[in-house]
Amino acid sequence: MTAPIPVSAIPIWSGFLTPVLEVLTDGQIWRKRDLHTAVEDHIGLTAEQRAEVLQSGQRRADNRIGWALSALYRGKLVDRPARATFVITDAGRALLAANPAGVTAKILQALPAYRAHTPVRAGTANTGTATDADITDEEVDPLEQIEGGVGRLHAEVAADLLKRLREQHSDFLEQSVLDVLVAMGYGGTEGRATRIGGSGDGGVDGVIDQDPLGLERIYVQAKRYAADNTVGRPDIQGFVGALHGVGAARGIFITTSTFTSGAREYSRNLGTRVILIDGARLAELMIRYGVAVQTRQTFTVVEVDEDYFE
């Protein structure tokens, strides 16, 4: 099962409102990249925190600082004198001075300028009360909410995939893992993969081309095990022996369960290149490359095109 997305120790987006304003109090015009770095330095983010990334590949700190800047701009507390640059406004200085304990999302949302900038959804009256667009101190930013929701859905799908693979015949698993490898780009230009499992397979369930001409081949072993039935070192040793028997230097051992620490340590110290893929990783690859899953719904996230307004 895919591991849940960990809760980050980085402040949520509203935790960056005050640090951003404090950095901007020097009155200088800051370039976006330099401002992000200065804010991270200002609150003392560690190297590990700065290296955190979202599933989209964007740095988590950049995403949260970006949402804070966007909210401050909506409230007219910062201005953008040119593309990707920011400067504090008089209103920003005044709000910071009036709230020595820090600027919160609730304080921000009470500003008339912020509320005037927030679009009212169709079918709602502009009564001055909270709208669906409002956000609170307790919430992460919308992009992380989307990614977190997708992550939870994928975790459920991953668990279901493994359950179904364990319920199928071993032949089905052998073909499924070859389908995954072909989807990943192996199998040459023609996507050639051959299942050779059976009583006389010699410890190898499938073979797949690594290059377009088929000069290099990868041999595959697949074990349909229950979650509590781990693959140990003897299984890997047997697979390595089978690879030597066919003169192969590369192999992939895939299981619907997990590998023991002894099995992983043995594979790392081998002269023969053997990759171990456990059930969680297999399910993740199936989801990523669209094997045995279908797209239920697609969401498009947009942002303003700055070039359009230049």
C-alpha atoms as a PDB file:
ATOM      1  CA  MET A   1       0.000   0.000   0.000  1.00  0.00           C
ATOM      2  CA  THR A   2       1.305   3.442  -0.901  1.00  0.00           C
ATOM      3  CA  ALA A   3       2.530   5.322   2.168  1.00  0.00           C
ATOM      4  CA  PRO A   4       0.445   8.360   3.166  1.00  0.00           C
ATOM      5  CA  ILE A   5       1.850  11.778   2.469  1.00  0.00           C
ATOM      6  CA  PRO A   6       3.611  12.939   5.673  1.00  0.00           C
ATOM      7  CA  VAL A   7       2.537  16.099   7.454  1.00  0.00           C
ATOM      8  CA  SER A   8       5.277  18.635   6.861  1.00  0.00           C
ATOM      9  CA  ALA A   9       6.941  20.607   9.645  1.00  0.00           C
ATOM     10  CA  ILE A  10       7.075  23.611   7.302  1.00  0.00           C
ATOM     11  CA  PRO A  11       4.587  26.329   8.331  1.00  0.00           C
ATOM     12  CA  ILE A  12       1.319  26.251   6.409  1.00  0.00           C
ATOM     13  CA  TRP A  13       0.779  28.994   3.843  1.00  0.00           C
ATOM     14  CA  SER A  14      -0.635  31.491   6.369  1.00  0.00           C
ATOM     15  CA  GLY A  15       2.445  30.996   8.520  1.00  0.00           C
ATOM     16  CA  PHE A  16       4.403  32.801   5.824  1.00  0.00           C
ATOM     17  CA  LEU A  17       2.251  35.953   5.792  1.00  0.00           C
ATOM     18  CA  THR A  18       4.158  37.683   8.578  1.00  0.00           C
ATOM     19  CA  PRO A  19       7.681  36.572   7.504  1.00  0.00           C
ATOM     20  CA  VAL A  20       7.052  37.804   3.949  1.00  0.00           C
ATOM     21  CA  LEU A  21       5.934  41.217   5.198  1.00  0.00           C
ATOM     22  CA  GLU A  22       8.854  41.401   7.620  1.00  0.00           C
ATOM     23  CA  VAL A  23      11.391  40.733   4.871  1.00  0.00           C
ATOM     24  CA  LEU A  24       9.731  43.312   2.634  1.00  0.00           C
ATOM     25  CA  THR A  25       9.862  46.038   5.297  1.00  0.00           C
ATOM     26  CA  ASP A  26      13.254  47.118   3.922  1.00  0.00           C
ATOM     27  CA  GLY A  27      11.253  48.890   1.184  1.00  0.00           C
ATOM     28  CA  GLN A  28      13.243  47.316  -1.614  1.00  0.00           C
ATOM     29  CA  ILE A  29      11.778  45.708  -4.713  1.00  0.00           C
ATOM     30  CA  TRP A  30      12.439  41.988  -4.385  1.00  0.00           C
ATOM     31  CA  ARG A  31      12.675  39.472  -7.162  1.00  0.00           C
ATOM     32  CA  LYS A  32      10.490  36.452  -6.462  1.00  0.00           C
ATOM     33  CA  ARG A  33      13.307  33.923  -6.232  1.00  0.00           C
ATOM     34  CA  ASP A  34      15.416  36.102  -3.942  1.00  0.00           C
ATOM     35  CA  LEU A  35      12.396  36.855  -1.771  1.00  0.00           C
ATOM     36  CA  HIS A  36      11.609  33.175  -1.302  1.00  0.00           C
ATOM     37  CA  THR A  37      15.186  32.490  -0.219  1.00  0.00           C
ATOM     38  CA  ALA A  38      15.190  35.451   2.160  1.00  0.00           C
ATOM     39  CA  VAL A  39      11.918  34.340   3.757  1.00  0.00           C
ATOM     40  CA  GLU A  40      13.240  30.804   4.226  1.00  0.00           C
ATOM     41  CA  ASP A  41      16.375  32.237   5.833  1.00  0.00           C
ATOM     42  CA  HIS A  42      14.277  34.575   7.977  1.00  0.00           C
ATOM     43  CA  ILE A  43      12.295  31.757   9.616  1.00  0.00           C
ATOM     44  CA  GLY A  44      15.237  29.342   9.640  1.00  0.00           C
ATOM     45  CA  LEU A  45      14.031  26.523   7.402  1.00  0.00           C
ATOM     46  CA  THR A  46      16.400  23.566   7.494  1.00  0.00           C
ATOM     47  CA  ALA A  47      18.034  22.099   4.394  1.00  0.00           C
ATOM     48  CA  GLU A  48      15.690  19.111   4.667  1.00  0.00           C
ATOM     49  CA  GLN A  49      12.628  21.352   4.810  1.00  0.00           C
ATOM     50  CA  ARG A  50      13.821  23.364   1.822  1.00  0.00           C
ATOM     51  CA  ALA A  51      14.313  20.141  -0.137  1.00  0.00           C
ATOM     52  CA  GLU A  52      10.732  18.909   0.392  1.00  0.00           C
ATOM     53  CA  VAL A  53       8.789  18.621  -2.851  1.00  0.00           C
ATOM     54  CA  LEU A  54       5.160  18.048  -3.756  1.00  0.00           C
ATOM     55  CA  GLN A  55       4.042  15.256  -6.048  1.00  0.00           C
ATOM     56  CA  SER A  56       4.097  17.800  -8.882  1.00  0.00           C
ATOM     57  CA  GLY A  57       7.831  18.333  -8.295  1.00  0.00           C
ATOM     58  CA  GLN A  58       7.448  21.885  -6.978  1.00  0.00           C
ATOM     59  CA  ARG A  59       9.220  22.696  -3.730  1.00  0.00           C
ATOM     60  CA  ARG A  60       6.760  22.721  -0.838  1.00  0.00           C
ATOM     61  CA  ALA A  61       8.227  25.956   0.571  1.00  0.00           C
ATOM     62  CA  ASP A  62       7.920  27.710  -2.807  1.00  0.00           C
ATOM     63  CA  ASN A  63       4.303  26.623  -3.067  1.00  0.00           C
ATOM     64  CA  ARG A  64       3.354  27.874   0.389  1.00  0.00           C
ATOM     65  CA  ILE A  65       5.246  31.166   0.094  1.00  0.00           C
ATOM     66  CA  GLY A  66       3.619  31.642  -3.301  1.00  0.00           C
ATOM     67  CA  TRP A  67       0.136  31.285  -1.813  1.00  0.00           C
ATOM     68  CA  ALA A  68       1.043  33.723   0.960  1.00  0.00           C
ATOM     69  CA  LEU A  69       2.248  36.288  -1.577  1.00  0.00           C
ATOM     70  CA  SER A  70      -0.887  35.818  -3.640  1.00  0.00           C
ATOM     71  CA  ALA A  71      -3.081  36.406  -0.598  1.00  0.00           C
ATOM     72  CA  LEU A  72      -1.089  39.483   0.439  1.00  0.00           C
ATOM     73  CA  TYR A  73      -1.427  40.874  -3.068  1.00  0.00           C
ATOM     74  CA  ARG A  74      -5.185  40.295  -2.977  1.00  0.00           C
ATOM     75  CA  GLY A  75      -5.301  42.316   0.241  1.00  0.00           C
ATOM     76  CA  LYS A  76      -3.186  45.083  -1.324  1.00  0.00           C
ATOM     77  CA  LEU A  77      -0.534  44.557   1.326  1.00  0.00           C
ATOM     78  CA  VAL A  78       2.138  43.986  -1.310  1.00  0.00           C
ATOM     79  CA  ASP A  79       2.390  45.214  -4.863  1.00  0.00           C
ATOM     80  CA  ARG A  80       3.963  43.879  -8.051  1.00  0.00           C
ATOM     81  CA  PRO A  81       5.822  46.752  -9.728  1.00  0.00           C
ATOM     82  CA  ALA A  82       7.033  44.422 -12.467  1.00  0.00           C
ATOM     83  CA  ARG A  83       6.745  40.778 -13.380  1.00  0.00           C
ATOM     84  CA  ALA A  84       7.928  38.404 -10.632  1.00  0.00           C
ATOM     85  CA  THR A  85       8.827  41.272  -8.281  1.00  0.00           C
ATOM     86  CA  PHE A  86       7.254  42.354  -5.003  1.00  0.00           C
ATOM     87  CA  VAL A  87       7.317  45.394  -2.719  1.00  0.00           C
ATOM     88  CA  ILE A  88       5.449  46.148   0.516  1.00  0.00           C
ATOM     89  CA  THR A  89       2.696  48.783   0.481  1.00  0.00           C
ATOM     90  CA  ASP A  90       1.823  51.340   3.154  1.00  0.00           C
ATOM     91  CA  ALA A  91      -1.194  49.185   4.014  1.00  0.00           C
ATOM     92  CA  GLY A  92       1.126  46.226   4.492  1.00  0.00           C
ATOM     93  CA  ARG A  93       3.369  48.158   6.872  1.00  0.00           C
ATOM     94  CA  ALA A  94       0.375  49.404   8.829  1.00  0.00           C
ATOM     95  CA  LEU A  95      -1.164  45.945   9.189  1.00  0.00           C
ATOM     96  CA  LEU A  96       2.131  44.448  10.335  1.00  0.00           C
ATOM     97  CA  ALA A  97       2.592  47.197  12.920  1.00  0.00           C
ATOM     98  CA  ALA A  98      -0.983  46.761  14.166  1.00  0.00           C
ATOM     99  CA  ASN A  99      -0.546  43.021  14.677  1.00  0.00           C
ATOM    100  CA  PRO A 100       2.733  42.428  16.563  1.00  0.00           C
ATOM    101  CA  ALA A 101       1.663  38.829  17.282  1.00  0.00           C
ATOM    102  CA  GLY A 102       1.498  38.143  13.563  1.00  0.00           C
ATOM    103  CA  VAL A 103      -0.855  38.420  10.597  1.00  0.00           C
ATOM    104  CA  THR A 104      -3.248  35.471  10.321  1.00  0.00           C
ATOM    105  CA  ALA A 105      -5.601  34.322   7.591  1.00  0.00           C
ATOM    106  CA  LYS A 106      -8.540  35.559   9.682  1.00  0.00           C
ATOM    107  CA  ILE A 107      -7.022  39.038   9.936  1.00  0.00           C
ATOM    108  CA  LEU A 108      -6.303  39.046   6.233  1.00  0.00           C
ATOM    109  CA  GLN A 109      -9.813  37.988   5.268  1.00  0.00           C
ATOM    110  CA  ALA A 110     -11.331  40.777   7.339  1.00  0.00           C
ATOM    111  CA  LEU A 111      -9.691  43.414   5.134  1.00  0.00           C
ATOM    112  CA  PRO A 112     -12.115  45.134   2.734  1.00  0.00           C
ATOM    113  CA  ALA A 113      -9.519  45.035  -0.061  1.00  0.00           C
ATOM    114  CA  TYR A 114      -9.120  41.265   0.331  1.00  0.00           C
ATOM    115  CA  ARG A 115     -12.860  40.642   0.366  1.00  0.00           C
ATOM    116  CA  ALA A 116     -13.397  42.892  -2.631  1.00  0.00           C
ATOM    117  CA  HIS A 117     -10.796  40.903  -4.566  1.00  0.00           C
ATOM    118  CA  THR A 118     -12.410  37.550  -3.751  1.00  0.00           C
ATOM    119  CA  PRO A 119     -14.866  36.517  -6.477  1.00  0.00           C
ATOM    120  CA  VAL A 120     -18.361  35.626  -5.345  1.00  0.00           C
ATOM    121  CA  ARG A 121     -19.523  32.259  -6.636  1.00  0.00           C
ATOM    122  CA  ALA A 122     -22.578  32.116  -8.847  1.00  0.00           C
ATOM    123  CA  GLY A 123     -25.769  31.710  -6.849  1.00  0.00           C
ATOM    124  CA  THR A 124     -24.455  33.414  -3.689  1.00  0.00           C
ATOM    125  CA  ALA A 125     -25.182  36.897  -2.498  1.00  0.00           C
ATOM    126  CA  ASN A 126     -22.391  39.334  -1.746  1.00  0.00           C
ATOM    127  CA  THR A 127     -23.461  39.763   1.868  1.00  0.00           C
ATOM    128  CA  GLY A 128     -20.003  40.205   3.344  1.00  0.00           C
ATOM    129  CA  THR A 129     -20.140  36.771   4.972  1.00  0.00           C
ATOM    130  CA  ALA A 130     -17.632  33.998   4.322  1.00  0.00           C
ATOM    131  CA  THR A 131     -17.648  32.465   0.851  1.00  0.00           C
ATOM    132  CA  ASP A 132     -16.365  29.144  -0.463  1.00  0.00           C
ATOM    133  CA  ALA A 133     -13.216  30.953  -1.549  1.00  0.00           C
ATOM    134  CA  ASP A 134     -12.289  31.761   2.051  1.00  0.00           C
ATOM    135  CA  ILE A 135      -9.389  29.908   3.642  1.00  0.00           C
ATOM    136  CA  THR A 136      -8.322  29.456   7.235  1.00  0.00           C
ATOM    137  CA  ASP A 137      -5.135  29.165   9.253  1.00  0.00           C
ATOM    138  CA  GLU A 138      -5.721  25.440   9.688  1.00  0.00           C
ATOM    139  CA  GLU A 139      -5.841  24.627   5.973  1.00  0.00           C
ATOM    140  CA  VAL A 140      -2.980  23.857   3.650  1.00  0.00           C
ATOM    141  CA  ASP A 141      -3.068  25.586   0.302  1.00  0.00           C
ATOM    142  CA  PRO A 142      -5.471  24.348  -2.417  1.00  0.00           C
ATOM    143  CA  LEU A 143      -2.793  22.612  -4.517  1.00  0.00           C
ATOM    144  CA  GLU A 144      -1.636  20.539  -1.556  1.00  0.00           C
ATOM    145  CA  GLN A 145      -5.263  19.730  -0.734  1.00  0.00           C
ATOM    146  CA  ILE A 146      -5.700  18.391  -4.264  1.00  0.00           C
ATOM    147  CA  GLU A 147      -2.487  16.387  -4.160  1.00  0.00           C
ATOM    148  CA  GLY A 148      -3.297  15.058  -0.700  1.00  0.00           C
ATOM    149  CA  GLY A 149      -6.744  13.926  -1.856  1.00  0.00           C
ATOM    150  CA  VAL A 150      -5.298  12.271  -4.945  1.00  0.00           C
ATOM    151  CA  GLY A 151      -2.689  10.569  -2.773  1.00  0.00           C
ATOM    152  CA  ARG A 152      -5.361   9.108  -0.500  1.00  0.00           C
ATOM    153  CA  LEU A 153      -7.394   7.879  -3.466  1.00  0.00           C
ATOM    154  CA  HIS A 154      -4.310   6.303  -5.024  1.00  0.00           C
ATOM    155  CA  ALA A 155      -3.486   4.582  -1.735  1.00  0.00           C
ATOM    156  CA  GLU A 156      -6.926   2.954  -1.784  1.00  0.00           C
ATOM    157  CA  VAL A 157      -6.502   1.936  -5.424  1.00  0.00           C
ATOM    158  CA  ALA A 158      -3.036   0.517  -4.686  1.00  0.00           C
ATOM    159  CA  ALA A 159      -4.415  -1.631  -1.876  1.00  0.00           C
ATOM    160  CA  ASP A 160      -7.204  -2.878  -4.148  1.00  0.00           C
ATOM    161  CA  LEU A 161      -4.746  -3.674  -6.962  1.00  0.00           C
ATOM    162  CA  LEU A 162      -2.594  -5.815  -4.672  1.00  0.00           C
ATOM    163  CA  LYS A 163      -5.648  -7.616  -3.289  1.00  0.00           C
ATOM    164  CA  ARG A 164      -6.840  -8.449  -6.790  1.00  0.00           C
ATOM    165  CA  LEU A 165      -3.383  -9.559  -7.982  1.00  0.00           C
ATOM    166  CA  ARG A 166      -3.119 -11.951  -5.025  1.00  0.00           C
ATOM    167  CA  GLU A 167      -6.511 -13.420  -5.890  1.00  0.00           C
ATOM    168  CA  GLN A 168      -5.563 -14.124  -9.522  1.00  0.00           C
ATOM    169  CA  HIS A 169      -3.612 -17.097 -10.854  1.00  0.00           C
ATOM    170  CA  SER A 170       0.176 -16.729 -10.814  1.00  0.00           C
ATOM    171  CA  ASP A 171       0.119 -16.613 -14.637  1.00  0.00           C
ATOM    172  CA  PHE A 172      -1.899 -13.411 -14.418  1.00  0.00           C
ATOM    173  CA  LEU A 173       0.698 -11.751 -12.187  1.00  0.00           C
ATOM    174  CA  GLU A 174       3.524 -12.810 -14.509  1.00  0.00           C
ATOM    175  CA  GLN A 175       1.776 -11.168 -17.459  1.00  0.00           C
ATOM    176  CA  SER A 176       0.862  -8.089 -15.421  1.00  0.00           C
ATOM    177  CA  VAL A 177       4.444  -7.353 -14.424  1.00  0.00           C
ATOM    178  CA  LEU A 178       5.526  -7.651 -18.063  1.00  0.00           C
ATOM    179  CA  ASP A 179       2.740  -5.237 -19.018  1.00  0.00           C
ATOM    180  CA  VAL A 180       4.078  -2.765 -16.455  1.00  0.00           C
ATOM    181  CA  LEU A 181       7.632  -3.020 -17.812  1.00  0.00           C
ATOM    182  CA  VAL A 182       6.437  -2.503 -21.378  1.00  0.00           C
ATOM    183  CA  ALA A 183       4.421   0.529 -20.241  1.00  0.00           C
ATOM    184  CA  MET A 184       7.611   1.878 -18.649  1.00  0.00           C
ATOM    185  CA  GLY A 185       9.371   1.758 -22.034  1.00  0.00           C
ATOM    186  CA  TYR A 186      11.101  -1.609 -21.941  1.00  0.00           C
ATOM    187  CA  GLY A 187      10.609  -4.181 -24.654  1.00  0.00           C
ATOM    188  CA  GLY A 188      12.286  -2.323 -27.511  1.00  0.00           C
ATOM    189  CA  THR A 189      10.452  -0.483 -30.276  1.00  0.00           C
ATOM    190  CA  GLU A 190       7.911  -3.282 -30.592  1.00  0.00           C
ATOM    191  CA  GLY A 191       7.318  -3.690 -26.881  1.00  0.00           C
ATOM    192  CA  ARG A 192       8.434  -7.312 -26.925  1.00  0.00           C
ATOM    193  CA  ALA A 193       7.948  -9.209 -23.698  1.00  0.00           C
ATOM    194  CA  THR A 194       7.573 -12.953 -23.334  1.00  0.00           C
ATOM    195  CA  ARG A 195       6.095 -14.853 -20.430  1.00  0.00           C
ATOM    196  CA  ILE A 196       7.913 -18.142 -19.943  1.00  0.00           C
ATOM    197  CA  GLY A 197       6.561 -19.128 -16.536  1.00  0.00           C
ATOM    198  CA  GLY A 198       5.537 -22.656 -15.771  1.00  0.00           C
ATOM    199  CA  SER A 199       6.884 -25.817 -14.217  1.00  0.00           C
ATOM    200  CA  GLY A 200       9.915 -25.764 -16.490  1.00  0.00           C
ATOM    201  CA  ASP A 201      10.735 -22.092 -16.291  1.00  0.00           C
ATOM    202  CA  GLY A 202      14.007 -22.660 -14.455  1.00  0.00           C
ATOM    203  CA  GLY A 203      13.248 -19.890 -11.980  1.00  0.00           C
ATOM    204  CA  VAL A 204      12.498 -17.244 -14.628  1.00  0.00           C
ATOM    205  CA  ASP A 205       8.936 -16.132 -15.403  1.00  0.00           C
ATOM    206  CA  GLY A 206       9.502 -13.682 -18.230  1.00  0.00           C
ATOM    207  CA  VAL A 207      12.023 -12.014 -20.490  1.00  0.00           C
ATOM    208  CA  ILE A 208      11.932  -8.531 -21.953  1.00  0.00           C
ATOM    209  CA  ASP A 209      14.190  -6.582 -24.318  1.00  0.00           C
ATOM    210  CA  GLN A 210      16.056  -3.665 -22.761  1.00  0.00           C
ATOM    211  CA  ASP A 211      17.042  -1.993 -26.052  1.00  0.00           C
ATOM    212  CA  PRO A 212      15.310  -1.568 -29.439  1.00  0.00           C
ATOM    213  CA  LEU A 213      17.414  -4.277 -31.127  1.00  0.00           C
ATOM    214  CA  GLY A 214      17.049  -6.833 -28.374  1.00  0.00           C
ATOM    215  CA  LEU A 215      20.794  -7.004 -27.732  1.00  0.00           C
ATOM    216  CA  GLU A 216      20.263  -6.777 -23.975  1.00  0.00           C
ATOM    217  CA  ARG A 217      17.572  -8.687 -22.153  1.00  0.00           C
ATOM    218  CA  ILE A 218      16.104  -8.475 -18.671  1.00  0.00           C
ATOM    219  CA  TYR A 219      14.761 -11.593 -16.980  1.00  0.00           C
ATOM    220  CA  VAL A 220      11.854 -11.377 -14.579  1.00  0.00           C
ATOM    221  CA  GLN A 221      10.676 -13.409 -11.617  1.00  0.00           C
ATOM    222  CA  ALA A 222       7.252 -12.739 -10.090  1.00  0.00           C
ATOM    223  CA  LYS A 223       6.009 -14.116  -6.774  1.00  0.00           C
ATOM    224  CA  ARG A 224       2.316 -13.943  -5.891  1.00  0.00           C
ATOM    225  CA  TYR A 225       2.566 -13.883  -2.103  1.00  0.00           C
ATOM    226  CA  ALA A 226       0.211 -12.824   0.675  1.00  0.00           C
ATOM    227  CA  ALA A 227       1.110  -9.643   2.528  1.00  0.00           C
ATOM    228  CA  ASP A 228       2.613 -11.533   5.475  1.00  0.00           C
ATOM    229  CA  ASN A 229       4.642 -13.944   3.332  1.00  0.00           C
ATOM    230  CA  THR A 230       7.931 -12.148   2.769  1.00  0.00           C
ATOM    231  CA  VAL A 231      10.554 -12.943   0.144  1.00  0.00           C
ATOM    232  CA  GLY A 232      13.846 -13.900   1.762  1.00  0.00           C
ATOM    233  CA  ARG A 233      17.451 -14.230   0.713  1.00  0.00           C
ATOM    234  CA  PRO A 234      17.120 -17.875  -0.467  1.00  0.00           C
ATOM    235  CA  ASP A 235      14.531 -16.801  -3.067  1.00  0.00           C
ATOM    236  CA  ILE A 236      16.887 -14.143  -4.428  1.00  0.00           C
ATOM    237  CA  GLN A 237      19.782 -16.597  -4.477  1.00  0.00           C
ATOM    238  CA  GLY A 238      17.673 -19.026  -6.479  1.00  0.00           C
ATOM    239  CA  PHE A 239      16.786 -16.283  -8.962  1.00  0.00           C
ATOM    240  CA  VAL A 240      20.439 -15.290  -9.342  1.00  0.00           C
ATOM    241  CA  GLY A 241      21.271 -18.918 -10.076  1.00  0.00           C
ATOM    242  CA  ALA A 242      18.586 -18.965 -12.760  1.00  0.00           C
ATOM    243  CA  LEU A 243      20.050 -15.796 -14.308  1.00  0.00           C
ATOM    244  CA  HIS A 244      23.483 -17.383 -14.455  1.00  0.00           C
ATOM    245  CA  GLY A 245      21.914 -20.418 -16.076  1.00  0.00           C
ATOM    246  CA  VAL A 246      20.717 -18.312 -19.042  1.00  0.00           C
ATOM    247  CA  GLY A 247      23.825 -16.140 -19.136  1.00  0.00           C
ATOM    248  CA  ALA A 248      21.961 -13.036 -17.997  1.00  0.00           C
ATOM    249  CA  ALA A 249      23.464 -10.113 -16.079  1.00  0.00           C
ATOM    250  CA  ARG A 250      20.244  -8.299 -15.206  1.00  0.00           C
ATOM    251  CA  GLY A 251      17.040  -9.328 -13.519  1.00  0.00           C
ATOM    252  CA  ILE A 252      13.957  -7.986 -11.803  1.00  0.00           C
ATOM    253  CA  PHE A 253      12.346  -9.793  -8.897  1.00  0.00           C
ATOM    254  CA  ILE A 254       8.780  -8.661  -8.230  1.00  0.00           C
ATOM    255  CA  THR A 255       6.478  -9.715  -5.435  1.00  0.00           C
ATOM    256  CA  THR A 256       3.029  -8.757  -4.183  1.00  0.00           C
ATOM    257  CA  SER A 257       4.386  -8.861  -0.618  1.00  0.00           C
ATOM    258  CA  THR A 258       7.688  -7.485   0.755  1.00  0.00           C
ATOM    259  CA  PHE A 259      11.363  -8.419   0.939  1.00  0.00           C
ATOM    260  CA  THR A 260      13.287  -9.205   4.098  1.00  0.00           C
ATOM    261  CA  SER A 261      16.222  -6.995   5.032  1.00  0.00           C
ATOM    262  CA  GLY A 262      18.496  -9.949   4.298  1.00  0.00           C
ATOM    263  CA  ALA A 263      17.143 -10.239   0.773  1.00  0.00           C
ATOM    264  CA  ARG A 264      17.657  -6.530   0.102  1.00  0.00           C
ATOM    265  CA  GLU A 265      21.174  -6.524   1.525  1.00  0.00           C
ATOM    266  CA  TYR A 266      22.099  -9.578  -0.557  1.00  0.00           C
ATOM    267  CA  SER A 267      20.806  -7.969  -3.761  1.00  0.00           C
ATOM    268  CA  ARG A 268      22.784  -4.765  -3.094  1.00  0.00           C
ATOM    269  CA  ASN A 269      26.046  -6.697  -2.828  1.00  0.00           C
ATOM    270  CA  LEU A 270      25.574  -8.775  -5.969  1.00  0.00           C
ATOM    271  CA  GLY A 271      27.789  -8.521  -9.018  1.00  0.00           C
ATOM    272  CA  THR A 272      24.697  -9.350 -11.036  1.00  0.00           C
ATOM    273  CA  ARG A 273      22.277  -6.440 -11.279  1.00  0.00           C
ATOM    274  CA  VAL A 274      19.021  -7.485  -9.607  1.00  0.00           C
ATOM    275  CA  ILE A 275      16.236  -4.989  -8.907  1.00  0.00           C
ATOM    276  CA  LEU A 276      13.705  -5.813  -6.181  1.00  0.00           C
ATOM    277  CA  ILE A 277      10.163  -4.457  -6.526  1.00  0.00           C
ATOM    278  CA  ASP A 278       7.775  -5.093  -3.632  1.00  0.00           C
ATOM    279  CA  GLY A 279       3.999  -4.939  -3.678  1.00  0.00           C
ATOM    280  CA  ALA A 280       3.743  -1.263  -2.757  1.00  0.00           C
ATOM    281  CA  ARG A 281       6.170  -0.273  -5.503  1.00  0.00           C
ATOM    282  CA  LEU A 282       4.435  -2.525  -8.031  1.00  0.00           C
ATOM    283  CA  ALA A 283       1.058  -0.937  -7.310  1.00  0.00           C
ATOM    284  CA  GLU A 284       2.617   2.532  -7.560  1.00  0.00           C
ATOM    285  CA  LEU A 285       4.081   1.697 -10.975  1.00  0.00           C
ATOM    286  CA  MET A 286       0.776   0.266 -12.192  1.00  0.00           C
ATOM    287  CA  ILE A 287      -0.981   3.503 -11.253  1.00  0.00           C
ATOM    288  CA  ARG A 288       1.732   5.745 -12.705  1.00  0.00           C
ATOM    289  CA  TYR A 289       1.892   3.936 -16.043  1.00  0.00           C
ATOM    290  CA  GLY A 290      -1.809   3.170 -16.399  1.00  0.00           C
ATOM    291  CA  VAL A 291      -1.770  -0.623 -16.094  1.00  0.00           C
ATOM    292  CA  ALA A 292      -5.040  -2.141 -14.771  1.00  0.00           C
ATOM    293  CA  VAL A 293      -6.358   1.338 -13.919  1.00  0.00           C
ATOM    294  CA  GLN A 294      -8.367   3.921 -15.792  1.00  0.00           C
ATOM    295  CA  THR A 295      -8.624   7.674 -15.401  1.00  0.00           C
ATOM    296  CA  ARG A 296     -11.755   8.543 -13.486  1.00  0.00           C
ATOM    297  CA  GLN A 297     -11.574  12.329 -13.706  1.00  0.00           C
ATOM    298  CA  THR A 298      -9.078  14.960 -14.801  1.00  0.00           C
ATOM    299  CA  PHE A 299      -8.664  18.337 -13.111  1.00  0.00           C
ATOM    300  CA  THR A 300      -6.933  21.324 -14.689  1.00  0.00           C
ATOM    301  CA  VAL A 301      -5.223  23.807 -12.369  1.00  0.00           C
ATOM    302  CA  VAL A 302      -4.645  27.229 -13.932  1.00  0.00           C
ATOM    303  CA  GLU A 303      -2.764  30.375 -13.007  1.00  0.00           C
ATOM    304  CA  VAL A 304      -2.631  33.825 -14.521  1.00  0.00           C
ATOM    305  CA  ASP A 305      -0.429  34.100 -17.599  1.00  0.00           C
ATOM    306  CA  GLU A 306       1.882  36.979 -16.733  1.00  0.00           C
ATOM    307  CA  ASP A 307       3.116  37.231 -20.341  1.00  0.00           C
ATOM    308  CA  TYR A 308      -0.410  38.071 -21.508  1.00  0.00           C
ATOM    309  CA  PHE A 309      -0.420  41.271 -19.475  1.00  0.00           C
ATOM    310  CA  GLU A 310       3.088  42.437 -20.428  1.00  0.00           C
END
